[in-house]
Amino acid sequence: MKCTACGGTELEDGFLPDVGYAQTWVALWMAGPPSTDLSFWQRFKTGGGVNLDGVEAKAIEAKRCVACGHLELYANRAPEPGTHLVR
């Protein structure tokens, strides 16, 4: 795979952390608009997790060009169990 910015050939794997509750999770891409069905306090009381029932979700993977630092984000795979916060 080549960098789309400079043509460099070495891209290192990484991820975008989603930090909360003293844990680090993998950030998710989710289809559609954000849900507004819970108030701030309802989300706070339930741990603020994301409900994935019936929603297409993909783990965000990041590739960084070693030559120029350009980041490319990909969302091709379903999130692995235990790597994201769900309710």
Protein backbone atom coordinates (compact mmCIF):
# COMPACT_ATOMS: atom_id res chain seq x y z
CA MET A 1 0.00 0.00 0.00
CA LYS A 2 1.30 3.45 -0.93
CA CYS A 3 0.77 6.77 0.81
CA THR A 4 -1.76 8.82 -1.16
CA ALA A 5 0.01 12.05 -0.16
CA CYS A 6 3.69 11.43 -1.00
CA GLY A 7 3.81 7.96 -2.57
CA GLY A 8 5.84 6.53 0.32
CA THR A 9 5.64 2.77 0.61
CA GLU A 10 5.89 2.21 4.37
CA LEU A 11 2.64 2.71 6.27
CA GLU A 12 2.54 1.76 9.93
CA ASP A 13 -0.63 0.41 11.56
CA GLY A 14 -2.36 2.22 14.40
CA PHE A 15 -5.75 3.24 15.75
CA LEU A 16 -7.63 6.25 17.13
CA PRO A 17 -8.17 5.78 20.85
CA ASP A 18 -11.55 6.46 22.41
CA VAL A 19 -10.66 7.01 26.06
CA GLY A 20 -13.13 6.82 28.91
CA TYR A 21 -13.72 5.21 32.29
CA ALA A 22 -9.97 4.62 32.76
CA GLN A 23 -9.89 2.38 29.69
CA THR A 24 -8.86 2.82 26.08
CA TRP A 25 -11.24 1.64 23.36
CA VAL A 26 -11.01 1.52 19.57
CA ALA A 27 -12.97 4.36 17.94
CA LEU A 28 -15.91 3.27 15.80
CA TRP A 29 -17.47 4.51 12.58
CA MET A 30 -21.24 4.12 12.70
CA ALA A 31 -23.74 4.45 9.86
CA GLY A 32 -26.27 7.28 10.03
CA PRO A 33 -26.62 10.26 12.33
CA PRO A 34 -25.68 10.17 16.03
CA SER A 35 -28.38 8.95 18.38
CA THR A 36 -30.02 11.57 20.56
CA ASP A 37 -32.49 9.23 22.29
CA LEU A 38 -30.80 9.50 25.72
CA SER A 39 -30.14 12.61 27.78
CA PHE A 40 -26.68 13.34 29.13
CA TRP A 41 -27.68 12.05 32.58
CA GLN A 42 -29.19 8.83 31.16
CA ARG A 43 -25.95 8.17 29.27
CA PHE A 44 -23.92 8.99 32.39
CA LYS A 45 -25.96 6.58 34.56
CA THR A 46 -25.70 3.72 32.04
CA GLY A 47 -21.99 4.16 31.35
CA GLY A 48 -22.46 6.07 28.10
CA GLY A 49 -22.02 3.03 25.89
CA VAL A 50 -23.05 2.85 22.28
CA ASN A 51 -25.95 0.59 21.37
CA LEU A 52 -24.91 -1.40 18.27
CA ASP A 53 -28.25 -3.22 17.86
CA GLY A 54 -29.25 -2.90 14.22
CA VAL A 55 -26.55 -0.32 13.44
CA GLU A 56 -23.68 -0.90 11.03
CA ALA A 57 -20.45 -0.26 12.94
CA LYS A 58 -16.83 -0.60 11.85
CA ALA A 59 -13.59 -0.26 13.79
CA ILE A 60 -11.53 2.73 12.65
CA GLU A 61 -8.04 1.68 11.62
CA ALA A 62 -5.33 4.28 11.04
CA LYS A 63 -2.32 3.98 8.75
CA ARG A 64 0.52 6.50 9.12
CA CYS A 65 3.10 7.17 6.42
CA VAL A 66 6.58 6.85 7.90
CA ALA A 67 7.99 9.29 5.32
CA CYS A 68 5.58 12.25 5.63
CA GLY A 69 3.31 11.48 8.60
CA HIS A 70 0.12 11.55 6.53
CA LEU A 71 -2.75 9.62 8.17
CA GLU A 72 -5.23 7.49 6.30
CA LEU A 73 -8.31 6.10 8.03
CA TYR A 74 -10.11 2.91 7.09
CA ALA A 75 -13.32 1.37 8.40
CA ASN A 76 -13.53 -2.05 6.76
CA ARG A 77 -13.92 -4.53 9.61
CA ALA A 78 -16.48 -5.08 12.33
CA PRO A 79 -15.18 -4.20 15.79
CA GLU A 80 -13.75 -7.11 17.73
CA PRO A 81 -15.50 -7.99 21.01
CA GLY A 82 -13.90 -6.31 24.01
CA THR A 83 -12.28 -3.49 22.02
CA HIS A 84 -15.12 -0.97 22.22
CA LEU A 85 -17.69 0.26 24.74
CA VAL A 86 -21.19 -1.03 24.06
CA ARG A 87 -24.40 -1.08 26.08
